[in-house]
Amino acid sequence: MPKMKTNRSAAKRFEKTGSGKFRRRRKNLRHILTKKNAKRKRRLGKATLVDRTNESAVRRLLPYV
């Protein structure tokens, strides 16, 4: 069986943590920032973990990470 290919777009978006979970960036911090308050923008700048329901999908995209 041939080697699986890593999805390169996913490889740039997700990284594995020490505990085996996946870290991702939050959405909504690229434009239309004037209506968002400072607290919200600050929170959006911080990374978060991929939800448990989507973790298996990310794991399939990144077989060797």
PDB file of N, CA and C in Angstrom:
ATOM      1  N   MET A   1       0.842  -1.188   0.000  1.00  0.00           N
ATOM      2  CA  MET A   1       0.000   0.000   0.000  1.00  0.00           C
ATOM      3  C   MET A   1       0.882   1.243   0.000  1.00  0.00           C
ATOM      4  N   PRO A   2       0.579   2.229  -0.837  1.00  0.00           N
ATOM      5  CA  PRO A   2       1.428   3.426  -0.902  1.00  0.00           C
ATOM      6  C   PRO A   2       1.275   4.293   0.343  1.00  0.00           C
ATOM      7  N   LYS A   3       2.263   5.129   0.528  1.00  0.00           N
ATOM      8  CA  LYS A   3       2.202   6.053   1.659  1.00  0.00           C
ATOM      9  C   LYS A   3       1.060   7.038   1.460  1.00  0.00           C
ATOM     10  N   MET A   4       0.471   7.470   2.567  1.00  0.00           N
ATOM     11  CA  MET A   4      -0.592   8.467   2.497  1.00  0.00           C
ATOM     12  C   MET A   4       0.025   9.844   2.328  1.00  0.00           C
ATOM     13  N   LYS A   5      -0.696  10.728   1.672  1.00  0.00           N
ATOM     14  CA  LYS A   5      -0.222  12.098   1.519  1.00  0.00           C
ATOM     15  C   LYS A   5      -0.807  12.974   2.614  1.00  0.00           C
ATOM     16  N   THR A   6       0.030  13.854   3.135  1.00  0.00           N
ATOM     17  CA  THR A   6      -0.427  14.849   4.100  1.00  0.00           C
ATOM     18  C   THR A   6      -1.133  15.957   3.345  1.00  0.00           C
ATOM     19  N   ASN A   7      -2.260  16.382   3.837  1.00  0.00           N
ATOM     20  CA  ASN A   7      -2.954  17.525   3.251  1.00  0.00           C
ATOM     21  C   ASN A   7      -2.181  18.784   3.634  1.00  0.00           C
ATOM     22  N   ARG A   8      -1.573  19.441   2.661  1.00  0.00           N
ATOM     23  CA  ARG A   8      -0.657  20.541   2.937  1.00  0.00           C
ATOM     24  C   ARG A   8      -1.363  21.762   3.501  1.00  0.00           C
ATOM     25  N   SER A   9      -2.595  22.022   3.076  1.00  0.00           N
ATOM     26  CA  SER A   9      -3.317  23.174   3.626  1.00  0.00           C
ATOM     27  C   SER A   9      -3.623  22.946   5.106  1.00  0.00           C
ATOM     28  N   ALA A  10      -3.958  21.712   5.476  1.00  0.00           N
ATOM     29  CA  ALA A  10      -4.213  21.402   6.885  1.00  0.00           C
ATOM     30  C   ALA A  10      -2.928  21.461   7.691  1.00  0.00           C
ATOM     31  N   ALA A  11      -1.819  21.057   7.097  1.00  0.00           N
ATOM     32  CA  ALA A  11      -0.538  21.064   7.804  1.00  0.00           C
ATOM     33  C   ALA A  11      -0.128  22.485   8.184  1.00  0.00           C
ATOM     34  N   LYS A  12      -0.535  23.454   7.384  1.00  0.00           N
ATOM     35  CA  LYS A  12      -0.213  24.847   7.687  1.00  0.00           C
ATOM     36  C   LYS A  12      -1.158  25.448   8.728  1.00  0.00           C
ATOM     37  N   ARG A  13      -2.327  24.855   8.906  1.00  0.00           N
ATOM     38  CA  ARG A  13      -3.339  25.420   9.801  1.00  0.00           C
ATOM     39  C   ARG A  13      -3.342  24.805  11.196  1.00  0.00           C
ATOM     40  N   PHE A  14      -2.902  23.566  11.322  1.00  0.00           N
ATOM     41  CA  PHE A  14      -2.992  22.863  12.594  1.00  0.00           C
ATOM     42  C   PHE A  14      -1.620  22.401  13.039  1.00  0.00           C
ATOM     43  N   GLU A  15      -1.421  22.365  14.363  1.00  0.00           N
ATOM     44  CA  GLU A  15      -0.208  21.748  14.897  1.00  0.00           C
ATOM     45  C   GLU A  15      -0.596  20.899  16.103  1.00  0.00           C
ATOM     46  N   LYS A  16       0.151  19.848  16.299  1.00  0.00           N
ATOM     47  CA  LYS A  16      -0.157  18.910  17.375  1.00  0.00           C
ATOM     48  C   LYS A  16       0.453  19.400  18.679  1.00  0.00           C
ATOM     49  N   THR A  17      -0.293  19.272  19.767  1.00  0.00           N
ATOM     50  CA  THR A  17       0.208  19.654  21.084  1.00  0.00           C
ATOM     51  C   THR A  17       0.909  18.458  21.725  1.00  0.00           C
ATOM     52  N   GLY A  18       1.488  18.672  22.863  1.00  0.00           N
ATOM     53  CA  GLY A  18       2.181  17.592  23.554  1.00  0.00           C
ATOM     54  C   GLY A  18       1.262  16.473  23.988  1.00  0.00           C
ATOM     55  N   SER A  19       0.013  16.808  24.271  1.00  0.00           N
ATOM     56  CA  SER A  19      -0.950  15.789  24.719  1.00  0.00           C
ATOM     57  C   SER A  19      -1.629  15.077  23.553  1.00  0.00           C
ATOM     58  N   GLY A  20      -1.288  15.450  22.310  1.00  0.00           N
ATOM     59  CA  GLY A  20      -1.851  14.761  21.153  1.00  0.00           C
ATOM     60  C   GLY A  20      -3.071  15.429  20.565  1.00  0.00           C
ATOM     61  N   LYS A  21      -3.483  16.566  21.133  1.00  0.00           N
ATOM     62  CA  LYS A  21      -4.607  17.306  20.558  1.00  0.00           C
ATOM     63  C   LYS A  21      -4.086  18.246  19.483  1.00  0.00           C
ATOM     64  N   PHE A  22      -5.002  18.914  18.780  1.00  0.00           N
ATOM     65  CA  PHE A  22      -4.593  19.814  17.706  1.00  0.00           C
ATOM     66  C   PHE A  22      -4.932  21.251  18.048  1.00  0.00           C
ATOM     67  N   ARG A  23      -3.981  22.146  17.821  1.00  0.00           N
ATOM     68  CA  ARG A  23      -4.178  23.575  18.057  1.00  0.00           C
ATOM     69  C   ARG A  23      -4.536  24.229  16.728  1.00  0.00           C
ATOM     70  N   ARG A  24      -5.426  25.227  16.794  1.00  0.00           N
ATOM     71  CA  ARG A  24      -5.838  25.952  15.591  1.00  0.00           C
ATOM     72  C   ARG A  24      -5.994  27.426  15.921  1.00  0.00           C
ATOM     73  N   ARG A  25      -6.020  28.251  14.877  1.00  0.00           N
ATOM     74  CA  ARG A  25      -6.301  29.675  15.043  1.00  0.00           C
ATOM     75  C   ARG A  25      -7.813  29.887  15.047  1.00  0.00           C
ATOM     76  N   ARG A  26      -8.255  30.999  15.621  1.00  0.00           N
ATOM     77  CA  ARG A  26      -9.674  31.339  15.583  1.00  0.00           C
ATOM     78  C   ARG A  26      -9.979  32.130  14.313  1.00  0.00           C
ATOM     79  N   LYS A  27     -11.234  32.131  13.921  1.00  0.00           N
ATOM     80  CA  LYS A  27     -11.648  32.878  12.741  1.00  0.00           C
ATOM     81  C   LYS A  27     -12.064  34.293  13.138  1.00  0.00           C
ATOM     82  N   ASN A  28     -12.369  35.119  12.162  1.00  0.00           N
ATOM     83  CA  ASN A  28     -12.943  36.466  12.352  1.00  0.00           C
ATOM     84  C   ASN A  28     -11.966  37.535  12.835  1.00  0.00           C
ATOM     85  N   LEU A  29     -10.690  37.419  12.512  1.00  0.00           N
ATOM     86  CA  LEU A  29      -9.749  38.464  12.930  1.00  0.00           C
ATOM     87  C   LEU A  29      -9.016  39.050  11.722  1.00  0.00           C
ATOM     88  N   ARG A  30      -9.582  38.951  10.534  1.00  0.00           N
ATOM     89  CA  ARG A  30      -8.907  39.427   9.335  1.00  0.00           C
ATOM     90  C   ARG A  30      -9.405  40.797   8.869  1.00  0.00           C
ATOM     91  N   HIS A  31     -10.691  41.026   8.932  1.00  0.00           N
ATOM     92  CA  HIS A  31     -11.237  42.319   8.495  1.00  0.00           C
ATOM     93  C   HIS A  31     -12.548  42.569   9.211  1.00  0.00           C
ATOM     94  N   ILE A  32     -13.138  43.742   8.991  1.00  0.00           N
ATOM     95  CA  ILE A  32     -14.345  44.202   9.699  1.00  0.00           C
ATOM     96  C   ILE A  32     -14.100  44.149  11.212  1.00  0.00           C
ATOM     97  N   LEU A  33     -13.046  44.825  11.649  1.00  0.00           N
ATOM     98  CA  LEU A  33     -12.663  44.787  13.054  1.00  0.00           C
ATOM     99  C   LEU A  33     -13.254  45.947  13.848  1.00  0.00           C
ATOM    100  N   THR A  34     -13.798  46.953  13.164  1.00  0.00           N
ATOM    101  CA  THR A  34     -14.252  48.153  13.871  1.00  0.00           C
ATOM    102  C   THR A  34     -15.445  47.868  14.776  1.00  0.00           C
ATOM    103  N   LYS A  35     -16.304  46.948  14.380  1.00  0.00           N
ATOM    104  CA  LYS A  35     -17.500  46.662  15.195  1.00  0.00           C
ATOM    105  C   LYS A  35     -17.226  45.655  16.310  1.00  0.00           C
ATOM    106  N   LYS A  36     -16.041  45.060  16.329  1.00  0.00           N
ATOM    107  CA  LYS A  36     -15.708  44.085  17.366  1.00  0.00           C
ATOM    108  C   LYS A  36     -14.995  44.793  18.510  1.00  0.00           C
ATOM    109  N   ASN A  37     -15.388  44.484  19.727  1.00  0.00           N
ATOM    110  CA  ASN A  37     -14.777  45.167  20.860  1.00  0.00           C
ATOM    111  C   ASN A  37     -13.393  44.591  21.171  1.00  0.00           C
ATOM    112  N   ALA A  38     -12.631  45.306  21.981  1.00  0.00           N
ATOM    113  CA  ALA A  38     -11.235  44.957  22.240  1.00  0.00           C
ATOM    114  C   ALA A  38     -11.112  43.589  22.899  1.00  0.00           C
ATOM    115  N   LYS A  39     -12.028  43.279  23.797  1.00  0.00           N
ATOM    116  CA  LYS A  39     -11.977  41.989  24.488  1.00  0.00           C
ATOM    117  C   LYS A  39     -12.140  40.843  23.505  1.00  0.00           C
ATOM    118  N   ARG A  40     -13.057  41.004  22.570  1.00  0.00           N
ATOM    119  CA  ARG A  40     -13.301  39.970  21.564  1.00  0.00           C
ATOM    120  C   ARG A  40     -12.101  39.798  20.641  1.00  0.00           C
ATOM    121  N   LYS A  41     -11.511  40.915  20.200  1.00  0.00           N
ATOM    122  CA  LYS A  41     -10.350  40.847  19.315  1.00  0.00           C
ATOM    123  C   LYS A  41      -9.155  40.208  20.012  1.00  0.00           C
ATOM    124  N   ARG A  42      -9.000  40.505  21.289  1.00  0.00           N
ATOM    125  CA  ARG A  42      -7.907  39.914  22.067  1.00  0.00           C
ATOM    126  C   ARG A  42      -8.084  38.406  22.162  1.00  0.00           C
ATOM    127  N   ARG A  43      -9.302  37.960  22.398  1.00  0.00           N
ATOM    128  CA  ARG A  43      -9.594  36.529  22.498  1.00  0.00           C
ATOM    129  C   ARG A  43      -9.391  35.828  21.149  1.00  0.00           C
ATOM    130  N   LEU A  44      -9.773  36.509  20.069  1.00  0.00           N
ATOM    131  CA  LEU A  44      -9.628  35.915  18.738  1.00  0.00           C
ATOM    132  C   LEU A  44      -8.167  35.741  18.338  1.00  0.00           C
ATOM    133  N   GLY A  45      -7.288  36.534  18.924  1.00  0.00           N
ATOM    134  CA  GLY A  45      -5.868  36.434  18.606  1.00  0.00           C
ATOM    135  C   GLY A  45      -5.195  35.225  19.201  1.00  0.00           C
ATOM    136  N   LYS A  46      -5.824  34.598  20.182  1.00  0.00           N
ATOM    137  CA  LYS A  46      -5.224  33.449  20.855  1.00  0.00           C
ATOM    138  C   LYS A  46      -5.681  32.154  20.203  1.00  0.00           C
ATOM    139  N   ALA A  47      -4.793  31.182  20.193  1.00  0.00           N
ATOM    140  CA  ALA A  47      -5.110  29.884  19.596  1.00  0.00           C
ATOM    141  C   ALA A  47      -6.025  29.092  20.530  1.00  0.00           C
ATOM    142  N   THR A  48      -6.695  28.100  19.959  1.00  0.00           N
ATOM    143  CA  THR A  48      -7.563  27.224  20.740  1.00  0.00           C
ATOM    144  C   THR A  48      -7.408  25.808  20.211  1.00  0.00           C
ATOM    145  N   LEU A  49      -8.057  24.867  20.851  1.00  0.00           N
ATOM    146  CA  LEU A  49      -7.968  23.470  20.438  1.00  0.00           C
ATOM    147  C   LEU A  49      -9.084  23.125  19.465  1.00  0.00           C
ATOM    148  N   VAL A  50      -8.802  22.174  18.593  1.00  0.00           N
ATOM    149  CA  VAL A  50      -9.820  21.659  17.677  1.00  0.00           C
ATOM    150  C   VAL A  50     -10.846  20.899  18.505  1.00  0.00           C
ATOM    151  N   ASP A  51     -12.117  21.074  18.191  1.00  0.00           N
ATOM    152  CA  ASP A  51     -13.195  20.404  18.916  1.00  0.00           C
ATOM    153  C   ASP A  51     -13.077  18.893  18.755  1.00  0.00           C
ATOM    154  N   ARG A  52     -13.542  18.172  19.773  1.00  0.00           N
ATOM    155  CA  ARG A  52     -13.447  16.712  19.779  1.00  0.00           C
ATOM    156  C   ARG A  52     -14.163  16.076  18.591  1.00  0.00           C
ATOM    157  N   THR A  53     -15.264  16.700  18.129  1.00  0.00           N
ATOM    158  CA  THR A  53     -16.029  16.140  17.007  1.00  0.00           C
ATOM    159  C   THR A  53     -15.280  16.257  15.690  1.00  0.00           C
ATOM    160  N   ASN A  54     -14.377  17.237  15.573  1.00  0.00           N
ATOM    161  CA  ASN A  54     -13.623  17.428  14.332  1.00  0.00           C
ATOM    162  C   ASN A  54     -12.227  16.837  14.384  1.00  0.00           C
ATOM    163  N   GLU A  55     -11.842  16.324  15.535  1.00  0.00           N
ATOM    164  CA  GLU A  55     -10.465  15.867  15.700  1.00  0.00           C
ATOM    165  C   GLU A  55     -10.140  14.688  14.790  1.00  0.00           C
ATOM    166  N   SER A  56     -11.078  13.769  14.588  1.00  0.00           N
ATOM    167  CA  SER A  56     -10.809  12.612  13.738  1.00  0.00           C
ATOM    168  C   SER A  56     -10.618  13.038  12.286  1.00  0.00           C
ATOM    169  N   ALA A  57     -11.335  14.058  11.848  1.00  0.00           N
ATOM    170  CA  ALA A  57     -11.177  14.562  10.480  1.00  0.00           C
ATOM    171  C   ALA A  57      -9.791  15.175  10.290  1.00  0.00           C
ATOM    172  N   VAL A  58      -9.342  15.944  11.272  1.00  0.00           N
ATOM    173  CA  VAL A  58      -8.015  16.560  11.194  1.00  0.00           C
ATOM    174  C   VAL A  58      -6.938  15.479  11.225  1.00  0.00           C
ATOM    175  N   ARG A  59      -7.162  14.470  12.032  1.00  0.00           N
ATOM    176  CA  ARG A  59      -6.195  13.369  12.139  1.00  0.00           C
ATOM    177  C   ARG A  59      -6.044  12.637  10.801  1.00  0.00           C
ATOM    178  N   ARG A  60      -7.142  12.499  10.061  1.00  0.00           N
ATOM    179  CA  ARG A  60      -7.078  11.868   8.734  1.00  0.00           C
ATOM    180  C   ARG A  60      -6.298  12.722   7.746  1.00  0.00           C
ATOM    181  N   LEU A  61      -6.441  14.058   7.855  1.00  0.00           N
ATOM    182  CA  LEU A  61      -5.730  14.952   6.939  1.00  0.00           C
ATOM    183  C   LEU A  61      -4.239  14.985   7.229  1.00  0.00           C
ATOM    184  N   LEU A  62      -3.865  14.729   8.483  1.00  0.00           N
ATOM    185  CA  LEU A  62      -2.460  14.798   8.891  1.00  0.00           C
ATOM    186  C   LEU A  62      -2.019  13.450   9.456  1.00  0.00           C
ATOM    187  N   PRO A  63      -1.802  12.449   8.600  1.00  0.00           N
ATOM    188  CA  PRO A  63      -1.522  11.116   9.101  1.00  0.00           C
ATOM    189  C   PRO A  63      -0.180  10.964   9.807  1.00  0.00           C
ATOM    190  N   TYR A  64       0.803  11.801   9.511  1.00  0.00           N
ATOM    191  CA  TYR A  64       2.152  11.622  10.065  1.00  0.00           C
ATOM    192  C   TYR A  64       2.553  12.714  11.048  1.00  0.00           C
ATOM    193  N   VAL A  65       1.605  13.530  11.475  1.00  0.00           N
ATOM    194  CA  VAL A  65       1.917  14.621  12.411  1.00  0.00           C
ATOM    195  C   VAL A  65       1.792  14.129  13.827  1.00  0.00           C
TER     196      VAL A  65
END
